[in-house]
Amino acid sequence: MRPKVEFLSRETIERILSEAYDLLDDPGVRVHSERALRLLADHGADVDLAAQVAHIPADLAQRAVETAPSSFHLYDGAGQPVVHYGGDDIQFDPGSAAIEILDHGATQSREPVTADCVRFLQLADGLDALDAVATSIVCADVPQEMADWYRLYLVLLYTGKPVVTGAFAVETWSVMKDLLVAVTGSEEALAAQPRAVFDVCPSPPLLWSEITCENLMDCAQYRVPAELVSMPLTGATGPATLLGAVVQHAAECLSGVTIHQLVNPGAPIVWGGSPAAFDMRAGTTPMGAIETMMIDCSYAEVGKHLGLPTHAYLGMSDAKIVDAQCGFESGIGAILAALAGINMISGPGMLDFESCFSLEKLVIDAEIVGMAKRIATGMVERETPLGLEIIRQVGHAGNFLATSHTRHWFREELFIPSPVVDRDFRRGWEAKGSLTTTERAHRRVAEIVAAYEPLNLPDEVVSELEAIAQRVAQSAGLDHLPER
């Protein structure tokens, strides 16, 4: 039996969706894209072009949900389907997009540069617990107008894992698509074996900016998977009640599914988000708050009820350094997400309200991910009878260590952590330097980065990636790309 966590009854889910469909019509959704407004109008929505508001009929949104696929795969650089969005399959990727990085031993963060992003990618590539990577670090040594595609450019040079990414502008989405085409071979190949999923974020409450709406429609047009990231803040940009926030989340995601599927029915789309329980004391958006996690798991239940793939930002912390708060917030989030069966869980490595990245945290989080995946597997009936024969065989002598049964099963049953996790006796811990968890994580970062093996990309692919990057960088006023 696979263990599961559920927060909502079927009746509550249906009430959430009923209210969400009502919101699509009244007050409707504000859409800052004439292209999207006209598309909605052509398919039966009541559109006020002057006010930029679309009143979307429930049946139009319901038909869109029906045409959206219930599952799809992301592929690695070798063309293998390694991430499955659908059902209760769970995968983890680092959070994004950090504008700060925390060096080991520091209490103050700093702006990251290209070399930091490369080191992160070398590390993430070597962490087997991570099923995908993300464009997690925004490099401060390039112009802001090229920050989004530049991250993807580095990812494609340094790892073959699937990518969770996103564009910061209307124009740069096409640059990012061209980079992905360079490594997949053609637009048709990219659609058939997508390497990346693009986050697209409605603005709460019930609004689509021109940038995100155009990105959403471009994803649909080229059948590049889109990941909806609705983010109501309780009591600030959404209702103060947790269920009220889930209702708003559902309405915003339904509007996105509708626009997306009208462009290209059957294109892959994900029911995701990054809401938060707004902290009234400090005016912050705590991703480590238990209520944030409850909203995430609940909206994922709504998405699963609709038969859509799911995503959430969990497994992160609001702590400023890698400390006890960092550990318990990240651990609780990752475990809950795994038990909720959320398909893609973004968060490892992230601190400080999704704004800061730590390589040491990423390594520690990889251990948490391993444990989360193990608990999601549940109690497995490895053999029949369950234990009768081996217990009789050993009898009162009690030495199970000497049996072939133990040698056969212990690696199957146990998650074996790396040396980052201390399970030694005190004298053993002292003999190895009495290191803290963060110090052990720092050593593991260095070991993995030192062992990194460059991708064996064909020369023509590297040349095409570099040509795209150089051309677009020059248009942004950068004559030479930073040293990697």
Protein backbone atom coordinates (compact mmCIF):
# COMPACT_ATOMS: atom_id res chain seq x y z
CA MET A 1 0.00 0.00 0.00
CA ARG A 2 1.39 3.38 -0.98
CA PRO A 3 1.00 5.93 1.85
CA LYS A 4 -0.94 9.05 0.98
CA VAL A 5 -1.83 12.40 2.49
CA GLU A 6 -5.14 14.05 1.59
CA PHE A 7 -6.59 17.30 2.89
CA LEU A 8 -9.82 17.50 0.89
CA SER A 9 -12.95 15.41 0.56
CA ARG A 10 -14.38 14.81 -2.89
CA GLU A 11 -17.31 17.07 -1.95
CA THR A 12 -14.94 19.90 -1.01
CA ILE A 13 -13.01 19.54 -4.25
CA GLU A 14 -16.23 19.78 -6.24
CA ARG A 15 -17.26 22.89 -4.31
CA ILE A 16 -13.85 24.45 -4.98
CA LEU A 17 -14.20 23.81 -8.70
CA SER A 18 -17.78 25.02 -8.80
CA GLU A 19 -16.75 28.34 -7.26
CA ALA A 20 -13.70 28.56 -9.52
CA TYR A 21 -15.82 28.10 -12.65
CA ASP A 22 -18.19 30.79 -11.35
CA LEU A 23 -15.24 33.19 -10.91
CA LEU A 24 -14.19 32.69 -14.52
CA ASP A 25 -17.50 34.25 -15.55
CA ASP A 26 -17.94 36.79 -12.75
CA PRO A 27 -15.79 38.82 -12.30
CA GLY A 28 -13.94 37.11 -15.14
CA VAL A 29 -10.20 37.18 -15.86
CA ARG A 30 -8.19 40.24 -16.81
CA VAL A 31 -5.92 39.38 -19.75
CA HIS A 32 -3.30 41.84 -21.00
CA SER A 33 -2.97 40.13 -24.37
CA GLU A 34 -5.14 41.09 -27.31
CA ARG A 35 -4.22 37.83 -29.02
CA ALA A 36 -5.60 35.83 -26.09
CA LEU A 37 -8.69 38.01 -25.69
CA ARG A 38 -9.65 37.60 -29.35
CA LEU A 39 -9.04 33.86 -29.12
CA LEU A 40 -11.36 33.63 -26.13
CA ALA A 41 -13.98 35.78 -27.85
CA ASP A 42 -13.85 33.59 -30.95
CA HIS A 43 -14.71 30.58 -28.79
CA GLY A 44 -17.66 32.00 -26.91
CA ALA A 45 -16.25 34.08 -24.06
CA ASP A 46 -17.80 37.48 -23.38
CA VAL A 47 -14.81 39.79 -23.85
CA ASP A 48 -14.49 43.48 -23.01
CA LEU A 49 -11.47 44.53 -25.07
CA ALA A 50 -11.34 48.01 -23.55
CA ALA A 51 -11.26 46.69 -20.00
CA GLN A 52 -9.19 43.64 -21.06
CA VAL A 53 -11.53 41.31 -19.20
CA ALA A 54 -12.77 37.94 -20.44
CA HIS A 55 -15.87 36.33 -18.93
CA ILE A 56 -15.23 32.64 -19.59
CA PRO A 57 -18.20 30.24 -19.64
CA ALA A 58 -17.80 27.15 -17.47
CA ASP A 59 -18.41 24.79 -20.37
CA LEU A 60 -15.57 26.37 -22.37
CA ALA A 61 -13.14 25.83 -19.48
CA GLN A 62 -14.42 22.29 -18.91
CA ARG A 63 -13.87 21.38 -22.57
CA ALA A 64 -10.32 22.71 -22.30
CA VAL A 65 -9.63 20.51 -19.29
CA GLU A 66 -10.92 17.52 -21.24
CA THR A 67 -8.51 18.12 -24.15
CA ALA A 68 -5.46 18.62 -21.89
CA PRO A 69 -3.38 15.42 -21.57
CA SER A 70 -3.36 13.59 -18.25
CA SER A 71 0.32 12.76 -18.53
CA PHE A 72 3.48 13.31 -20.54
CA HIS A 73 7.23 12.76 -20.27
CA LEU A 74 10.28 14.99 -20.20
CA TYR A 75 13.35 13.59 -21.91
CA ASP A 76 17.04 13.72 -21.14
CA GLY A 77 19.88 14.59 -23.50
CA ALA A 78 20.08 10.98 -24.69
CA GLY A 79 16.43 11.02 -25.74
CA GLN A 80 15.20 8.86 -22.87
CA PRO A 81 11.90 9.57 -21.05
CA VAL A 82 13.16 10.09 -17.49
CA VAL A 83 10.49 12.33 -15.91
CA HIS A 84 6.83 11.35 -15.93
CA TYR A 85 4.19 13.97 -15.22
CA GLY A 86 1.07 12.04 -14.33
CA GLY A 87 -0.59 9.83 -11.75
CA ASP A 88 1.19 9.83 -8.41
CA ASP A 89 4.73 9.64 -9.81
CA ILE A 90 7.05 12.04 -7.97
CA GLN A 91 10.15 13.82 -9.19
CA PHE A 92 12.29 16.56 -7.66
CA ASP A 93 14.19 19.48 -9.16
CA PRO A 94 15.99 22.47 -7.57
CA GLY A 95 13.95 25.59 -6.98
CA SER A 96 14.27 28.78 -9.02
CA ALA A 97 15.05 31.56 -9.68
CA ALA A 98 17.58 32.74 -7.10
CA ILE A 99 18.98 36.25 -7.36
CA GLU A 100 21.35 35.61 -4.43
CA ILE A 101 23.72 32.82 -3.48
CA LEU A 102 25.00 31.87 -0.03
CA ASP A 103 28.63 30.79 0.17
CA HIS A 104 29.63 28.14 2.69
CA GLY A 105 30.26 29.67 6.09
CA ALA A 106 28.77 33.04 5.14
CA THR A 107 25.85 34.75 6.83
CA GLN A 108 25.39 37.32 4.07
CA SER A 109 24.38 36.32 0.56
CA ARG A 110 25.69 37.88 -2.66
CA GLU A 111 24.75 38.19 -6.31
CA PRO A 112 25.68 35.05 -8.27
CA VAL A 113 27.71 35.07 -11.48
CA THR A 114 28.25 32.63 -14.33
CA ALA A 115 30.88 30.61 -12.46
CA ASP A 116 28.38 30.02 -9.64
CA CYS A 117 25.75 28.78 -12.06
CA VAL A 118 28.24 26.42 -13.71
CA ARG A 119 29.29 24.99 -10.34
CA PHE A 120 25.64 24.51 -9.40
CA LEU A 121 24.96 22.64 -12.65
CA GLN A 122 27.98 20.38 -12.18
CA LEU A 123 26.71 19.58 -8.70
CA ALA A 124 23.08 19.05 -9.72
CA ASP A 125 24.17 16.79 -12.57
CA GLY A 126 25.92 14.53 -10.07
CA LEU A 127 23.07 14.27 -7.57
CA ASP A 128 21.08 11.19 -8.55
CA ALA A 129 18.23 12.17 -6.22
CA LEU A 130 17.41 15.09 -8.54
CA ASP A 131 15.35 13.91 -11.51
CA ALA A 132 15.61 17.24 -13.32
CA VAL A 133 17.48 20.50 -13.04
CA ALA A 134 16.15 24.04 -13.07
CA THR A 135 17.41 27.38 -14.28
CA SER A 136 17.90 28.07 -10.60
CA ILE A 137 20.41 30.91 -10.61
CA VAL A 138 20.04 34.32 -12.23
CA CYS A 139 23.52 35.48 -13.24
CA ALA A 140 24.31 39.09 -12.36
CA ASP A 141 27.25 39.33 -14.78
CA VAL A 142 25.04 39.54 -17.88
CA PRO A 143 22.47 42.21 -18.85
CA GLN A 144 19.06 41.68 -17.27
CA GLU A 145 17.35 41.36 -20.64
CA MET A 146 19.27 38.14 -21.38
CA ALA A 147 19.17 36.62 -17.90
CA ASP A 148 16.47 34.05 -18.67
CA TRP A 149 17.79 32.47 -21.85
CA TYR A 150 21.40 32.66 -20.62
CA ARG A 151 20.57 30.34 -17.71
CA LEU A 152 19.07 27.80 -20.11
CA TYR A 153 22.11 28.12 -22.39
CA LEU A 154 24.37 27.13 -19.48
CA VAL A 155 22.08 24.27 -18.46
CA LEU A 156 22.18 22.74 -21.94
CA LEU A 157 25.98 22.93 -21.99
CA TYR A 158 26.52 21.29 -18.61
CA THR A 159 23.84 18.68 -17.96
CA GLY A 160 21.69 16.24 -19.89
CA LYS A 161 18.89 16.20 -17.32
CA PRO A 162 15.43 17.59 -18.16
CA VAL A 163 14.93 21.24 -17.29
CA VAL A 164 12.35 23.30 -15.42
CA THR A 165 12.68 26.84 -16.74
CA GLY A 166 10.80 29.99 -17.72
CA ALA A 167 11.08 33.17 -19.76
CA PHE A 168 11.17 36.70 -18.36
CA ALA A 169 9.95 38.42 -21.54
CA VAL A 170 7.81 37.86 -24.62
CA GLU A 171 10.80 38.08 -26.98
CA THR A 172 13.15 35.76 -25.10
CA TRP A 173 10.83 32.76 -25.19
CA SER A 174 11.69 32.22 -28.85
CA VAL A 175 15.41 32.41 -28.05
CA MET A 176 14.97 29.72 -25.44
CA LYS A 177 12.98 27.60 -27.87
CA ASP A 178 15.79 27.95 -30.43
CA LEU A 179 18.33 26.78 -27.83
CA LEU A 180 16.21 23.71 -27.11
CA VAL A 181 15.81 23.02 -30.83
CA ALA A 182 19.60 23.16 -31.18
CA VAL A 183 20.00 20.21 -28.81
CA THR A 184 16.94 18.23 -29.94
CA GLY A 185 17.39 18.69 -33.70
CA SER A 186 14.12 20.27 -34.81
CA GLU A 187 10.88 21.82 -33.62
CA GLU A 188 9.14 18.54 -34.37
CA ALA A 189 11.65 16.60 -32.27
CA LEU A 190 11.29 19.09 -29.42
CA ALA A 191 7.51 18.58 -29.45
CA ALA A 192 7.82 14.81 -29.64
CA GLN A 193 10.50 14.53 -26.92
CA PRO A 194 10.34 17.73 -24.84
CA ARG A 195 13.49 18.48 -22.87
CA ALA A 196 12.04 21.32 -20.78
CA VAL A 197 8.89 22.58 -19.12
CA PHE A 198 8.23 26.33 -18.91
CA ASP A 199 6.76 27.97 -15.81
CA VAL A 200 4.02 30.47 -16.69
CA CYS A 201 2.67 32.58 -13.86
CA PRO A 202 -0.73 34.28 -13.69
CA SER A 203 -0.75 37.34 -11.44
CA PRO A 204 -3.11 37.21 -8.46
CA PRO A 205 -5.93 37.86 -8.40
CA LEU A 206 -7.27 36.55 -11.74
CA LEU A 207 -4.89 38.34 -14.09
CA TRP A 208 -2.59 37.39 -16.94
CA SER A 209 0.19 39.81 -17.88
CA GLU A 210 1.18 40.15 -21.51
CA ILE A 211 4.51 38.37 -20.90
CA THR A 212 3.15 35.28 -19.18
CA CYS A 213 0.10 34.97 -21.40
CA GLU A 214 2.18 35.17 -24.57
CA ASN A 215 4.65 32.64 -23.13
CA LEU A 216 1.69 30.36 -22.31
CA MET A 217 0.38 30.54 -25.86
CA ASP A 218 3.83 30.09 -27.41
CA CYS A 219 4.31 26.92 -25.35
CA ALA A 220 0.99 25.61 -26.64
CA GLN A 221 1.76 26.51 -30.25
CA TYR A 222 5.03 24.54 -30.25
CA ARG A 223 3.77 21.84 -27.85
CA VAL A 224 6.49 22.65 -25.35
CA PRO A 225 5.09 21.72 -21.90
CA ALA A 226 3.79 24.63 -19.82
CA GLU A 227 3.62 24.64 -16.02
CA LEU A 228 1.02 26.92 -14.48
CA VAL A 229 2.35 28.70 -11.38
CA SER A 230 -0.58 30.38 -9.66
CA MET A 231 0.47 32.13 -6.45
CA PRO A 232 -2.26 33.72 -4.32
CA LEU A 233 -1.03 35.06 -0.96
CA THR A 234 -3.53 34.52 1.85
CA GLY A 235 -4.95 37.81 3.05
CA ALA A 236 -2.82 39.85 0.61
CA THR A 237 -3.48 38.91 -3.02
CA GLY A 238 -5.97 36.19 -2.18
CA PRO A 239 -8.49 35.24 0.51
CA ALA A 240 -7.20 34.87 4.07
CA THR A 241 -8.69 31.38 4.35
CA LEU A 242 -6.67 28.46 3.01
CA LEU A 243 -9.62 27.00 1.09
CA GLY A 244 -10.38 30.44 -0.35
CA ALA A 245 -6.83 30.57 -1.68
CA VAL A 246 -7.31 27.14 -3.26
CA VAL A 247 -10.47 28.40 -4.98
CA GLN A 248 -8.59 31.39 -6.43
CA HIS A 249 -5.70 29.14 -7.46
CA ALA A 250 -8.15 26.86 -9.26
CA ALA A 251 -9.78 29.75 -11.12
CA GLU A 252 -6.45 31.15 -12.26
CA CYS A 253 -5.21 27.75 -13.41
CA LEU A 254 -8.49 26.98 -15.20
CA SER A 255 -8.18 30.25 -17.11
CA GLY A 256 -4.66 29.26 -18.12
CA VAL A 257 -5.71 25.79 -19.23
CA THR A 258 -8.49 27.35 -21.30
CA ILE A 259 -6.27 29.83 -23.15
CA HIS A 260 -3.57 27.20 -23.64
CA GLN A 261 -5.86 24.51 -25.03
CA LEU A 262 -7.66 26.93 -27.36
CA VAL A 263 -4.31 27.59 -29.02
CA ASN A 264 -3.45 23.91 -29.46
CA PRO A 265 -5.74 21.24 -28.01
CA GLY A 266 -3.79 18.35 -26.52
CA ALA A 267 -0.62 20.34 -25.82
CA PRO A 268 0.87 19.35 -22.45
CA ILE A 269 0.15 21.57 -19.45
CA VAL A 270 0.73 21.20 -15.69
CA TRP A 271 -1.48 22.23 -12.76
CA GLY A 272 1.12 23.91 -10.55
CA GLY A 273 1.71 26.86 -8.31
CA SER A 274 3.67 28.75 -5.68
CA PRO A 275 1.11 30.23 -3.27
CA ALA A 276 1.97 31.23 0.28
CA ALA A 277 0.33 31.87 3.61
CA PHE A 278 1.14 35.58 3.92
CA ASP A 279 2.84 36.50 7.21
CA MET A 280 1.07 39.62 8.47
CA ARG A 281 3.78 40.38 11.04
CA ALA A 282 6.64 40.88 8.58
CA GLY A 283 4.80 41.19 5.27
CA THR A 284 6.63 38.12 3.94
CA THR A 285 5.65 35.08 1.88
CA PRO A 286 6.91 32.08 3.88
CA MET A 287 7.39 29.03 1.68
CA GLY A 288 8.26 27.02 4.79
CA ALA A 289 4.97 27.76 6.56
CA ILE A 290 2.90 24.66 7.24
CA GLU A 291 -0.16 26.47 5.84
CA THR A 292 1.70 27.08 2.56
CA MET A 293 2.36 23.36 2.36
CA MET A 294 -1.30 22.61 3.10
CA ILE A 295 -2.44 24.89 0.28
CA ASP A 296 0.02 23.22 -2.11
CA CYS A 297 -1.06 19.69 -1.28
CA SER A 298 -4.72 20.73 -1.51
CA TYR A 299 -4.48 22.40 -4.91
CA ALA A 300 -2.61 19.33 -6.17
CA GLU A 301 -5.61 17.24 -5.10
CA VAL A 302 -7.83 19.50 -7.20
CA GLY A 303 -5.51 19.06 -10.19
CA LYS A 304 -5.51 15.30 -9.77
CA HIS A 305 -9.31 15.32 -9.56
CA LEU A 306 -9.30 17.02 -12.97
CA GLY A 307 -6.89 14.42 -14.33
CA LEU A 308 -4.03 16.85 -14.88
CA PRO A 309 -0.30 16.55 -14.10
CA THR A 310 0.77 18.45 -10.98
CA HIS A 311 3.61 20.60 -9.66
CA ALA A 312 4.44 22.53 -6.47
CA TYR A 313 7.23 24.55 -4.90
CA LEU A 314 7.99 22.59 -1.74
CA GLY A 315 11.10 21.37 0.07
CA MET A 316 12.47 24.87 0.52
CA SER A 317 13.07 27.11 3.53
CA ASP A 318 12.77 30.74 4.53
CA ALA A 319 15.90 30.51 6.70
CA LYS A 320 18.79 32.79 5.75
CA ILE A 321 21.50 30.20 6.41
CA VAL A 322 21.68 26.39 6.40
CA ASP A 323 20.50 25.77 9.95
CA ALA A 324 17.90 23.84 11.93
CA GLN A 325 15.00 25.89 10.55
CA CYS A 326 16.31 25.21 7.06
CA GLY A 327 16.27 21.48 7.76
CA PHE A 328 12.87 21.08 9.34
CA GLU A 329 11.04 23.31 6.84
CA SER A 330 12.64 21.60 3.85
CA GLY A 331 12.08 18.12 5.27
CA ILE A 332 8.41 18.62 6.14
CA GLY A 333 7.68 20.13 2.72
CA ALA A 334 9.41 17.38 0.77
CA ILE A 335 7.74 14.58 2.74
CA LEU A 336 4.26 16.09 2.41
CA ALA A 337 4.75 16.65 -1.32
CA ALA A 338 5.86 13.06 -1.83
CA LEU A 339 2.91 11.70 0.14
CA ALA A 340 0.57 13.93 -1.87
CA GLY A 341 1.92 12.38 -5.08
CA ILE A 342 2.84 15.73 -6.67
CA ASN A 343 4.54 14.99 -9.98
CA MET A 344 7.25 17.67 -9.96
CA ILE A 345 8.45 19.10 -6.66
CA SER A 346 10.62 22.19 -6.99
CA GLY A 347 12.57 23.50 -4.02
CA PRO A 348 15.84 21.76 -3.12
CA GLY A 349 18.65 24.26 -2.60
CA MET A 350 16.41 27.28 -2.03
CA LEU A 351 16.46 29.65 0.95
CA ASP A 352 15.03 33.03 1.92
CA PHE A 353 11.58 33.11 0.25
CA GLU A 354 12.78 31.52 -3.02
CA SER A 355 15.42 34.22 -3.52
CA CYS A 356 18.69 32.62 -2.39
CA PHE A 357 20.50 29.41 -3.36
CA SER A 358 22.90 27.28 -1.36
CA LEU A 359 24.95 24.43 -2.80
CA GLU A 360 25.29 22.90 0.66
CA LYS A 361 21.54 22.99 1.11
CA LEU A 362 21.09 21.30 -2.27
CA VAL A 363 23.30 18.41 -1.12
CA ILE A 364 21.45 18.10 2.19
CA ASP A 365 18.12 18.30 0.38
CA ALA A 366 19.18 15.44 -1.87
CA GLU A 367 19.26 13.25 1.24
CA ILE A 368 15.79 14.51 2.21
CA VAL A 369 14.58 13.69 -1.31
CA GLY A 370 15.94 10.16 -1.01
CA MET A 371 14.02 9.69 2.22
CA ALA A 372 10.88 11.23 0.73
CA LYS A 373 10.98 8.88 -2.22
CA ARG A 374 11.49 5.94 0.11
CA ILE A 375 8.48 6.80 2.29
CA ALA A 376 6.36 7.25 -0.84
CA THR A 377 7.22 3.67 -1.84
CA GLY A 378 5.60 2.52 1.37
CA MET A 379 5.63 -0.90 2.98
CA VAL A 380 6.32 -3.40 0.19
CA GLU A 381 5.47 -7.10 0.39
CA ARG A 382 8.87 -8.36 -0.74
CA GLU A 383 8.04 -12.05 -0.32
CA THR A 384 5.37 -14.47 0.84
CA PRO A 385 5.18 -15.33 3.66
CA LEU A 386 6.21 -11.91 4.98
CA GLY A 387 8.69 -13.09 7.61
CA LEU A 388 7.66 -16.50 8.82
CA GLU A 389 10.29 -18.60 7.03
CA ILE A 390 13.35 -16.47 7.76
CA ILE A 391 12.40 -16.02 11.43
CA ARG A 392 11.97 -19.79 11.78
CA GLN A 393 15.28 -20.37 9.97
CA VAL A 394 17.25 -18.09 12.30
CA GLY A 395 15.31 -19.17 15.34
CA HIS A 396 16.37 -18.19 18.82
CA ALA A 397 20.01 -17.64 17.77
CA GLY A 398 18.94 -14.20 16.51
CA ASN A 399 21.78 -13.69 14.00
CA PHE A 400 20.06 -12.36 10.90
CA LEU A 401 23.27 -10.62 9.74
CA ALA A 402 24.77 -13.90 8.57
CA THR A 403 21.86 -14.84 6.30
CA SER A 404 21.65 -14.46 2.52
CA HIS A 405 18.16 -13.08 3.14
CA THR A 406 19.64 -9.99 4.80
CA ARG A 407 22.28 -9.55 2.10
CA HIS A 408 19.57 -9.78 -0.54
CA TRP A 409 17.01 -7.43 0.96
CA PHE A 410 18.64 -4.72 3.06
CA ARG A 411 19.55 -2.48 0.12
CA GLU A 412 16.06 -2.86 -1.29
CA GLU A 413 14.39 -1.96 1.98
CA LEU A 414 16.64 0.84 3.21
CA PHE A 415 17.50 4.22 1.79
CA ILE A 416 21.28 4.38 2.22
CA PRO A 417 22.31 8.02 2.69
CA SER A 418 25.61 9.57 1.68
CA PRO A 419 28.20 10.59 4.32
CA VAL A 420 26.33 13.91 4.57
CA VAL A 421 24.03 12.09 7.02
CA ASP A 422 25.81 11.00 10.22
CA ARG A 423 24.82 7.55 11.47
CA ASP A 424 28.10 6.68 13.16
CA PHE A 425 28.83 6.22 16.85
CA ARG A 426 30.06 9.35 18.62
CA ARG A 427 33.65 8.07 18.68
CA GLY A 428 33.49 7.51 14.94
CA TRP A 429 32.05 10.98 14.37
CA GLU A 430 34.82 12.50 16.49
CA ALA A 431 37.50 10.51 14.65
CA LYS A 432 36.29 11.98 11.36
CA GLY A 433 36.63 15.56 12.61
CA SER A 434 33.38 16.17 14.56
CA LEU A 435 31.94 17.85 11.46
CA THR A 436 28.50 19.45 11.36
CA THR A 437 25.97 18.50 8.71
CA THR A 438 26.74 21.67 6.75
CA GLU A 439 30.48 21.00 6.88
CA ARG A 440 29.96 17.47 5.60
CA ALA A 441 27.70 18.84 2.87
CA HIS A 442 30.43 21.32 1.87
CA ARG A 443 32.89 18.44 1.46
CA ARG A 444 30.39 16.54 -0.68
CA VAL A 445 29.84 19.60 -2.89
CA ALA A 446 33.57 19.72 -3.58
CA GLU A 447 33.75 15.96 -4.26
CA ILE A 448 30.86 15.94 -6.74
CA VAL A 449 32.01 19.06 -8.59
CA ALA A 450 35.55 17.64 -8.84
CA ALA A 451 34.16 14.38 -10.28
CA TYR A 452 31.99 16.13 -12.89
CA GLU A 453 32.49 14.82 -16.42
CA PRO A 454 31.70 17.23 -19.29
CA LEU A 455 28.83 16.41 -21.61
CA ASN A 456 29.79 14.75 -24.84
CA LEU A 457 27.77 17.14 -26.98
CA PRO A 458 28.48 17.03 -30.73
CA ASP A 459 30.68 19.91 -31.88
CA GLU A 460 27.99 21.18 -34.23
CA VAL A 461 25.46 21.39 -31.37
CA VAL A 462 27.89 23.33 -29.17
CA SER A 463 28.66 25.64 -32.08
CA GLU A 464 24.97 26.31 -32.70
CA LEU A 465 24.30 26.99 -29.01
CA GLU A 466 27.23 29.40 -28.87
CA ALA A 467 26.21 31.12 -32.10
CA ILE A 468 22.68 31.75 -30.77
CA ALA A 469 24.04 32.99 -27.46
CA GLN A 470 26.64 35.30 -29.03
CA ARG A 471 24.14 36.78 -31.46
CA VAL A 472 21.48 37.56 -28.87
CA ALA A 473 24.05 38.75 -26.31
CA GLN A 474 25.45 41.27 -28.80
CA SER A 475 21.95 42.63 -29.38
CA ALA A 476 21.80 43.19 -25.59
CA GLY A 477 25.06 45.15 -25.73
CA LEU A 478 27.39 42.36 -24.51
CA ASP A 479 30.32 41.78 -26.87
CA HIS A 480 31.66 38.70 -25.11
CA LEU A 481 29.96 36.13 -22.92
CA PRO A 482 31.39 35.77 -19.39
CA GLU A 483 34.12 33.22 -18.71
CA ARG A 484 32.73 29.88 -17.57
